[in-house]
């Protein structure tokens, strides 16, 4: 009988992540922090573990040191378990000396490792989506339908259709046609399921379950580099390709705007996604930090992580990350403060990186911004959002779609003003 023990999970570590820059200035996209204490890679890894998949490989390539470190310190299986999380980094070989050229090419370059896992099925996942899915239910659908390939799909709004690969399905949920991110009105009309529905399309979620022998066959016989744009469309008509319907929360954290909006939504009482789930938790690294210390501060709808020190400040509709230090008189609104990787030692003469401490300085006012880790912000700094659509780059801060982003390790001098 089919079993989740015979499913290999493969998570794509992503490329340059240019749409998330400057958050990806020093790290891979799946390593970007989210919700104060997690990283994006924690989502698919946790979904795999909760679904009974205990053989998982992460394919990495670009600025992957922090991603490797996080995975190796977090996802460790018992020595008596058959499970593992492996990292397949891009590497030069006799048969291939180039970087990964796309999702399918990345898997092709690791076929030897995939074959050695001896799994009957292979589940391909992205490393930068926020959702909770029971992959075991997807697998049961795959086995029951007799599929060679199953594509997870979700209803899509009209204004988002061009961002997705769209599918047409028959009455048995077998996929009849597939188009990747089309903007042609005639094509979009032909893929509409219901003409007057607000969500008339079925969009691919970038989640594919293959019979492993079919995956190996498709990648060996053709030079396709991408699953969504090439492998899946080619397989339709050649193989039995089915659509698995999913209508839960799912968000592609692909841009600064989507990253910002998703984090801020987590602070609201009616948040569409919760990290607290009794049976399907999201796992992350156990850091053994102390509880956060708060002195004379006013909070309203704040996600607060461990190990913070917050003094006499006002914070609303914001995410405050690990080891954040927020000084007296600071006001933070609708912002993401990622915190710090370490506690700073006391000042020691010429060994100072800066005379400004890591954290938010006294009297600073921050609104509509993303402050990355280890940022040193001086006294009385003011940050305000720009009009939507504004794009600016400077040496120490950037603006993406109107959102001010202060990259990791930046130093913002006393009295600075960033805003329109």
Protein backbone atom coordinates (compact mmCIF):
# COMPACT_ATOMS: atom_id res chain seq x y z
CA UNK A 1 0.00 0.00 0.00
CA UNK A 2 1.20 3.58 -0.68
CA UNK A 3 2.69 5.28 2.36
CA UNK A 4 3.94 8.75 3.27
CA UNK A 5 7.18 7.02 4.24
CA UNK A 6 7.72 6.50 0.51
CA UNK A 7 7.35 10.21 -0.33
CA UNK A 8 10.41 12.41 -0.79
CA UNK A 9 9.84 16.13 -0.20
CA UNK A 10 11.96 18.51 -2.26
CA UNK A 11 11.89 22.21 -1.33
CA UNK A 12 13.21 24.75 -3.80
CA UNK A 13 15.57 27.18 -2.09
CA UNK A 14 15.01 29.90 -4.69
CA UNK A 15 17.23 32.08 -6.80
CA UNK A 16 18.32 35.67 -6.27
CA UNK A 17 15.00 36.78 -4.78
CA UNK A 18 15.34 40.16 -6.48
CA UNK A 19 11.71 41.10 -5.81
CA UNK A 20 12.38 40.80 -2.04
CA UNK A 21 15.55 42.90 -2.20
CA UNK A 22 16.99 44.37 0.05
CA UNK A 23 15.77 41.69 2.50
CA UNK A 24 17.68 39.23 0.28
CA UNK A 25 20.82 41.39 0.21
CA UNK A 26 22.60 39.04 2.63
CA UNK A 27 20.42 35.91 2.66
CA UNK A 28 18.46 33.47 0.50
CA UNK A 29 14.76 34.14 0.12
CA UNK A 30 13.59 31.16 2.26
CA UNK A 31 15.84 32.43 5.08
CA UNK A 32 13.95 35.75 5.37
CA UNK A 33 12.43 36.08 8.87
CA UNK A 34 8.64 36.18 9.24
CA UNK A 35 6.24 36.68 12.17
CA UNK A 36 8.99 37.70 14.58
CA UNK A 37 10.74 34.37 15.21
CA UNK A 38 10.27 32.13 12.15
CA UNK A 39 11.84 31.92 8.70
CA UNK A 40 10.00 31.26 5.45
CA UNK A 41 11.64 27.84 5.04
CA UNK A 42 9.99 26.73 8.31
CA UNK A 43 6.59 26.64 6.57
CA UNK A 44 7.12 23.85 3.99
CA UNK A 45 9.42 21.92 6.32
CA UNK A 46 6.78 21.97 9.07
CA UNK A 47 4.02 21.00 6.61
CA UNK A 48 6.13 18.02 5.54
CA UNK A 49 6.76 16.86 9.11
CA UNK A 50 3.11 17.32 10.10
CA UNK A 51 2.05 15.31 7.03
CA UNK A 52 4.30 12.35 7.80
CA UNK A 53 7.03 13.13 5.24
CA UNK A 54 10.35 12.56 6.98
CA UNK A 55 12.69 12.46 3.99
CA UNK A 56 13.18 16.05 2.91
CA UNK A 57 15.73 17.73 0.65
CA UNK A 58 16.26 21.48 0.28
CA UNK A 59 17.85 22.67 -2.98
CA UNK A 60 19.91 25.81 -2.41
CA UNK A 61 22.13 28.03 -4.50
CA UNK A 62 22.12 31.76 -3.75
CA UNK A 63 23.54 33.30 -0.52
CA UNK A 64 22.57 30.16 1.34
CA UNK A 65 24.88 30.25 4.40
CA UNK A 66 22.26 31.51 6.87
CA UNK A 67 19.67 29.15 5.37
CA UNK A 68 22.00 26.16 5.79
CA UNK A 69 22.81 27.22 9.34
CA UNK A 70 19.14 27.58 10.30
CA UNK A 71 18.16 24.20 8.84
CA UNK A 72 21.10 22.33 10.37
CA UNK A 73 20.38 23.78 13.82
CA UNK A 74 16.61 23.32 13.70
CA UNK A 75 15.47 20.24 11.81
CA UNK A 76 17.35 17.40 13.46
CA UNK A 77 15.78 13.95 13.57
CA UNK A 78 16.40 11.34 16.24
CA UNK A 79 19.29 8.93 15.52
CA UNK A 80 16.83 6.04 15.69
CA UNK A 81 14.56 7.61 13.07
CA UNK A 82 14.83 7.01 9.35
CA UNK A 83 14.06 10.66 8.68
CA UNK A 84 16.39 13.44 7.56
CA UNK A 85 16.56 16.93 6.11
CA UNK A 86 19.34 17.18 3.54
CA UNK A 87 20.69 20.23 1.75
CA UNK A 88 21.44 19.80 -1.95
CA UNK A 89 23.60 22.78 -2.85
CA UNK A 90 24.39 23.64 -6.45
CA UNK A 91 27.81 22.21 -7.27
CA UNK A 92 30.12 21.62 -10.19
CA UNK A 93 30.32 18.05 -11.48
CA UNK A 94 31.88 16.29 -14.46
CA UNK A 95 28.47 16.10 -16.15
CA UNK A 96 27.36 19.61 -15.18
CA UNK A 97 29.37 22.68 -14.21
CA UNK A 98 26.62 25.33 -14.26
CA UNK A 99 24.27 26.82 -11.70
CA UNK A 100 20.65 25.77 -11.45
CA UNK A 101 18.81 27.30 -14.41
CA UNK A 102 15.30 26.81 -13.03
CA UNK A 103 13.20 24.58 -10.79
CA UNK A 104 13.26 21.56 -13.10
CA UNK A 105 16.94 21.99 -13.91
CA UNK A 106 17.74 22.09 -10.18
CA UNK A 107 15.96 18.78 -9.63
CA UNK A 108 17.58 17.28 -12.74
CA UNK A 109 21.04 18.08 -11.39
CA UNK A 110 20.19 16.12 -8.22
CA UNK A 111 18.57 13.07 -9.82
CA UNK A 112 21.31 10.78 -8.53
CA UNK A 113 20.50 11.79 -4.95
CA UNK A 114 16.76 11.54 -5.62
CA UNK A 115 17.09 8.01 -7.00
CA UNK A 116 19.16 6.99 -3.98
CA UNK A 117 16.30 8.04 -1.67
CA UNK A 118 14.27 5.19 -3.24
CA UNK A 119 10.94 7.00 -2.79
CA UNK A 120 7.93 6.02 -4.91
CA UNK A 121 6.68 9.60 -5.02
CA UNK A 122 8.38 13.00 -5.04
CA UNK A 123 6.67 16.16 -3.79
CA UNK A 124 8.07 19.42 -5.20
CA UNK A 125 7.52 22.50 -3.00
CA UNK A 126 8.46 26.17 -2.95
CA UNK A 127 10.36 27.68 -0.03
CA UNK A 128 8.70 31.11 0.06
CA UNK A 129 4.95 30.53 0.53
CA UNK A 130 2.88 30.93 3.70
CA UNK A 131 0.15 28.30 4.12
CA UNK A 132 -0.77 25.18 6.05
CA UNK A 133 -1.50 22.06 3.98
CA UNK A 134 -1.93 18.40 4.80
CA UNK A 135 0.23 16.85 2.11
CA UNK A 136 -1.01 13.40 3.11
CA UNK A 137 -4.46 14.32 1.77
CA UNK A 138 -2.90 15.47 -1.49
CA UNK A 139 -1.01 12.17 -1.65
CA UNK A 140 -4.18 10.15 -1.04
CA UNK A 141 -5.88 12.00 -3.90
CA UNK A 142 -2.87 11.32 -6.11
CA UNK A 143 -2.94 7.59 -5.37
CA UNK A 144 -6.73 7.22 -5.55
CA UNK A 145 -6.95 9.00 -8.92
CA UNK A 146 -4.12 6.94 -10.43
CA UNK A 147 -2.26 10.13 -11.37
CA UNK A 148 1.26 10.31 -12.70
CA UNK A 149 1.46 13.96 -11.67
CA UNK A 150 -0.79 15.98 -9.35
CA UNK A 151 -0.78 19.79 -9.28
CA UNK A 152 -2.18 21.59 -6.23
CA UNK A 153 -4.48 24.42 -7.36
CA UNK A 154 -6.57 27.11 -5.68
CA UNK A 155 -9.31 29.53 -6.80
CA UNK A 156 -7.81 32.81 -8.04
CA UNK A 157 -9.30 36.31 -8.27
CA UNK A 158 -9.50 38.01 -11.65
CA UNK A 159 -6.93 40.68 -10.80
CA UNK A 160 -4.38 38.05 -9.74
CA UNK A 161 -4.76 35.63 -12.66
CA UNK A 162 -1.66 36.84 -14.54
CA UNK A 163 0.54 35.95 -11.53
CA UNK A 164 -0.36 32.25 -11.72
CA UNK A 165 -0.10 29.27 -13.95
CA UNK A 166 -3.73 28.54 -14.77
CA UNK A 167 -5.31 25.12 -15.39
CA UNK A 168 -8.39 23.77 -17.10
CA UNK A 169 -9.84 20.61 -15.58
CA UNK A 170 -12.38 18.03 -16.70
CA UNK A 171 -15.16 16.53 -14.59
CA UNK A 172 -12.74 13.98 -13.14
CA UNK A 173 -10.27 16.77 -12.17
CA UNK A 174 -7.81 15.67 -14.80
CA UNK A 175 -6.00 18.70 -16.23
CA UNK A 176 -6.83 19.36 -19.88
CA UNK A 177 -4.74 22.49 -20.40
CA UNK A 178 -2.19 24.69 -18.60
CA UNK A 179 -0.87 28.19 -19.28
CA UNK A 180 1.88 29.95 -17.33
CA UNK A 181 1.25 33.56 -16.20
CA UNK A 182 -0.61 34.75 -19.27
CA UNK A 183 -1.79 38.36 -19.75
CA UNK A 184 -3.64 37.67 -23.01
CA UNK A 185 -7.36 38.52 -22.45
CA UNK A 186 -8.48 35.81 -24.88
CA UNK A 187 -6.41 33.18 -23.07
CA UNK A 188 -7.63 34.33 -19.66
CA UNK A 189 -11.24 34.19 -20.84
CA UNK A 190 -10.78 30.63 -22.10
CA UNK A 191 -9.45 29.54 -18.70
CA UNK A 192 -12.26 31.12 -16.67
CA UNK A 193 -14.28 28.49 -14.82
CA UNK A 194 -17.27 30.69 -14.02
CA UNK A 195 -17.74 33.90 -16.02
CA UNK A 196 -19.21 36.09 -13.26
CA UNK A 197 -17.45 34.64 -10.24
CA UNK A 198 -14.95 36.78 -8.34
CA UNK A 199 -12.54 33.83 -8.38
CA UNK A 200 -13.13 32.27 -11.77
CA UNK A 201 -9.68 30.73 -12.29
CA UNK A 202 -7.78 27.75 -10.91
CA UNK A 203 -4.19 28.75 -10.24
CA UNK A 204 -1.23 26.46 -9.70
CA UNK A 205 0.31 26.75 -6.23
CA UNK A 206 3.71 25.51 -7.39
CA UNK A 207 3.16 22.22 -5.53
CA UNK A 208 3.63 19.10 -7.66
CA UNK A 209 3.49 15.43 -6.69
CA UNK A 210 5.17 13.07 -9.16
CA UNK A 211 5.49 9.36 -9.39
CA UNK A 212 9.26 9.36 -9.08
CA UNK A 213 9.78 7.20 -12.18
CA UNK A 214 7.71 9.71 -14.19
CA UNK A 215 9.74 12.61 -12.80
CA UNK A 216 13.01 10.91 -13.77
CA UNK A 217 11.67 10.07 -17.23
CA UNK A 218 10.49 13.64 -17.93
CA UNK A 219 13.74 15.22 -16.77
CA UNK A 220 15.97 12.76 -18.63
CA UNK A 221 14.11 12.88 -21.94
CA UNK A 222 13.65 16.66 -22.19
CA UNK A 223 15.80 19.70 -21.43
CA UNK A 224 13.03 21.70 -19.75
CA UNK A 225 14.33 24.02 -17.02
CA UNK A 226 11.08 24.99 -15.28
CA UNK A 227 8.21 22.90 -13.91
CA UNK A 228 5.40 25.43 -14.29
CA UNK A 229 6.39 26.83 -17.66
CA UNK A 230 7.58 23.65 -19.38
CA UNK A 231 7.42 20.28 -17.61
CA UNK A 232 3.74 20.41 -16.56
CA UNK A 233 2.40 21.73 -19.91
CA UNK A 234 4.45 19.08 -21.76
CA UNK A 235 3.16 16.30 -19.50
CA UNK A 236 -0.50 17.10 -20.22
CA UNK A 237 -1.63 14.69 -22.93
CA UNK A 238 1.39 12.44 -22.35
CA UNK A 239 0.77 11.55 -18.70
CA UNK A 240 -2.17 11.48 -16.32
CA UNK A 241 -2.03 14.94 -14.75
CA UNK A 242 -4.66 15.78 -12.11
CA UNK A 243 -5.57 18.89 -10.09
CA UNK A 244 -5.87 18.74 -6.30
CA UNK A 245 -8.23 21.45 -5.05
CA UNK A 246 -7.12 23.57 -2.07
CA UNK A 247 -9.16 26.50 -0.77
CA UNK A 248 -7.31 27.42 2.42
CA UNK A 249 -5.08 30.41 3.10
CA UNK A 250 -2.04 30.61 0.83
CA UNK A 251 0.23 33.56 0.13
CA UNK A 252 3.24 33.87 -2.13
CA UNK A 253 5.80 35.97 -0.20
CA UNK A 254 7.45 37.10 -3.41
CA UNK A 255 7.56 40.90 -3.09
CA UNK A 256 8.24 43.48 -0.40
CA UNK A 257 4.58 44.52 -0.54
CA UNK A 258 3.28 40.96 -0.04
CA UNK A 259 5.85 40.36 2.71
CA UNK A 260 4.85 43.56 4.51
CA UNK A 261 1.09 43.06 4.13
CA UNK A 262 1.30 39.42 5.26
CA UNK A 263 3.25 40.27 8.42
CA UNK A 264 0.98 43.17 9.35
CA UNK A 265 -2.07 40.94 8.82
CA UNK A 266 -0.63 38.56 11.43
CA UNK A 267 -1.05 41.31 14.07
CA UNK A 268 -4.80 41.64 13.51
CA UNK A 269 -7.44 39.81 15.61
CA UNK A 270 -8.95 38.32 12.45
CA UNK A 271 -5.59 37.24 11.00
CA UNK A 272 -6.08 34.87 8.04
CA UNK A 273 -3.19 32.64 9.16
CA UNK A 274 -2.29 31.54 12.65
CA UNK A 275 1.02 30.07 13.77
CA UNK A 276 -0.79 28.58 16.77
CA UNK A 277 -2.36 25.28 15.73
CA UNK A 278 -2.77 22.40 18.20
CA UNK A 279 -2.05 19.55 15.79
CA UNK A 280 -0.09 21.20 12.94
CA UNK A 281 2.41 23.60 14.52
CA UNK A 282 5.02 25.55 12.59
CA UNK A 283 8.45 24.55 13.88
CA UNK A 284 11.50 26.77 14.14
CA UNK A 285 14.79 26.93 15.97
CA UNK A 286 14.61 26.72 19.77
CA UNK A 287 16.84 29.59 20.89
CA UNK A 288 16.35 29.40 24.69
CA UNK A 289 15.91 33.15 25.00
CA UNK A 290 14.45 34.84 28.08
CA UNK A 291 10.97 36.28 28.09
CA UNK A 292 10.69 39.79 26.73
CA UNK A 293 11.08 42.64 29.25
CA UNK A 294 8.61 45.50 28.85
CA UNK A 295 8.74 48.65 30.98
CA UNK A 296 6.02 51.31 30.88
CA UNK A 297 5.10 50.65 27.22
CA UNK A 298 1.76 50.75 25.43
CA UNK A 299 0.99 47.91 23.00
CA UNK A 300 -1.95 47.53 20.64
CA UNK A 301 -2.09 44.51 18.30
CA UNK A 302 1.57 43.58 18.46
CA UNK A 303 3.30 40.29 17.69
CA UNK A 304 6.18 40.19 20.19
CA UNK A 305 8.99 37.63 19.95
CA UNK A 306 11.33 36.41 22.71
CA UNK A 307 14.28 38.16 24.29
CA UNK A 308 13.22 41.79 23.70
CA UNK A 309 13.84 44.84 25.89
CA UNK A 310 11.27 47.60 25.42
CA UNK A 311 11.22 50.82 27.41
CA UNK A 312 8.55 53.54 27.70
CA UNK A 313 7.36 53.38 24.07
CA UNK A 314 4.17 53.08 22.04
CA UNK A 315 3.79 50.23 19.52
CA UNK A 316 0.76 49.33 17.42
CA UNK A 317 -0.06 46.98 14.53
CA UNK A 318 3.55 45.80 14.35
CA UNK A 319 5.78 42.72 14.49
CA UNK A 320 8.68 42.94 16.96
CA UNK A 321 11.33 40.30 16.31
CA UNK A 322 13.83 38.42 18.45
CA UNK A 323 16.13 40.42 20.77
CA UNK A 324 14.66 43.75 19.70
CA UNK A 325 15.74 46.73 21.81
CA UNK A 326 13.36 49.71 21.68
CA UNK A 327 14.33 52.76 23.68
CA UNK A 328 12.26 55.26 25.63
CA UNK A 329 10.06 57.67 23.72
CA UNK A 330 9.96 55.55 20.54
CA UNK A 331 6.71 55.23 18.60
CA UNK A 332 6.26 52.38 16.13
CA UNK A 333 3.21 51.94 13.95
CA UNK A 334 2.40 49.39 11.21
CA UNK A 335 6.02 48.26 10.97
CA UNK A 336 8.18 45.14 11.08
CA UNK A 337 11.17 45.28 13.42
CA UNK A 338 13.19 42.10 12.85
CA UNK A 339 15.39 42.48 15.92
CA UNK A 340 18.93 41.18 16.28
CA UNK A 341 21.00 38.02 15.84
CA UNK A 342 22.82 38.53 19.13
CA UNK A 343 22.91 40.61 22.28
CA UNK A 344 25.40 43.41 21.90
CA UNK A 345 28.26 43.52 24.37
CA UNK A 346 28.86 46.62 26.43
CA UNK A 347 30.73 49.45 24.74
CA UNK A 348 34.48 48.94 24.77
CA UNK A 349 36.56 51.80 23.42
CA UNK A 350 37.81 51.49 19.86
CA UNK A 351 36.16 48.10 19.33
CA UNK A 352 32.83 49.78 18.59
CA UNK A 353 31.28 49.23 15.18
CA UNK A 354 29.30 52.40 15.84
CA UNK A 355 28.52 54.66 18.77
CA UNK A 356 24.86 53.84 18.09
CA UNK A 357 23.55 50.67 19.74
CA UNK A 358 21.69 47.93 17.89
CA UNK A 359 17.99 48.69 18.15
CA UNK A 360 15.61 51.63 17.93
CA UNK A 361 16.98 54.81 19.50
CA UNK A 362 15.21 57.13 21.94
CA UNK A 363 12.48 59.34 20.51
CA UNK A 364 12.45 57.67 17.11
CA UNK A 365 9.19 57.45 15.18
CA UNK A 366 8.69 54.65 12.66
CA UNK A 367 5.65 54.10 10.50
CA UNK A 368 5.05 51.73 7.56
CA UNK A 369 8.60 50.37 7.49
CA UNK A 370 10.61 47.15 7.58
CA UNK A 371 13.71 47.33 9.79
CA UNK A 372 15.97 44.32 9.19
CA UNK A 373 18.17 42.64 11.79
CA UNK A 374 21.09 44.29 13.59
CA UNK A 375 20.13 47.79 12.47
CA UNK A 376 21.55 50.63 14.57
CA UNK A 377 19.07 53.48 14.71
CA UNK A 378 20.04 56.68 16.48
CA UNK A 379 18.03 59.18 18.50
CA UNK A 380 15.00 61.03 17.13
CA UNK A 381 14.96 59.25 13.76
CA UNK A 382 11.75 59.66 11.77
CA UNK A 383 10.61 57.16 9.11
CA UNK A 384 7.38 57.66 7.19
CA UNK A 385 5.91 55.65 4.29
CA UNK A 386 6.08 56.97 0.73
CA UNK A 387 3.16 56.94 -1.72
CA UNK A 388 2.42 53.43 -3.10
CA UNK A 389 4.52 52.66 -6.16
CA UNK A 390 7.53 54.71 -5.02
CA UNK A 391 10.90 53.01 -5.64
CA UNK A 392 14.11 54.49 -4.19
CA UNK A 393 17.59 53.13 -3.42
CA UNK A 394 20.20 54.82 -1.23
CA UNK A 395 23.34 53.55 0.46
CA UNK A 396 21.58 52.83 3.77
CA UNK A 397 17.85 52.48 2.98
CA UNK A 398 15.47 51.65 0.16
CA UNK A 399 11.82 52.13 -0.72
CA UNK A 400 9.78 49.40 -2.39
CA UNK A 401 6.19 50.18 -3.41
CA UNK A 402 6.19 53.00 -0.85
CA UNK A 403 7.49 50.84 2.01
CA UNK A 404 10.76 51.96 3.60
CA UNK A 405 13.20 49.04 4.05
CA UNK A 406 16.33 49.45 6.17
CA UNK A 407 18.68 46.55 5.28
CA UNK A 408 20.51 44.35 7.74
CA UNK A 409 23.36 46.01 9.70
CA UNK A 410 22.57 49.51 8.48
CA UNK A 411 23.37 52.51 10.68
CA UNK A 412 20.86 55.39 10.75
CA UNK A 413 22.38 58.55 12.31
CA UNK A 414 20.71 60.65 14.99
CA UNK A 415 17.98 62.95 13.74
CA UNK A 416 17.63 61.33 10.32
CA UNK A 417 14.41 61.85 8.40
CA UNK A 418 13.26 59.24 5.84
CA UNK A 419 9.98 60.03 4.21
CA UNK A 420 8.19 61.90 1.43
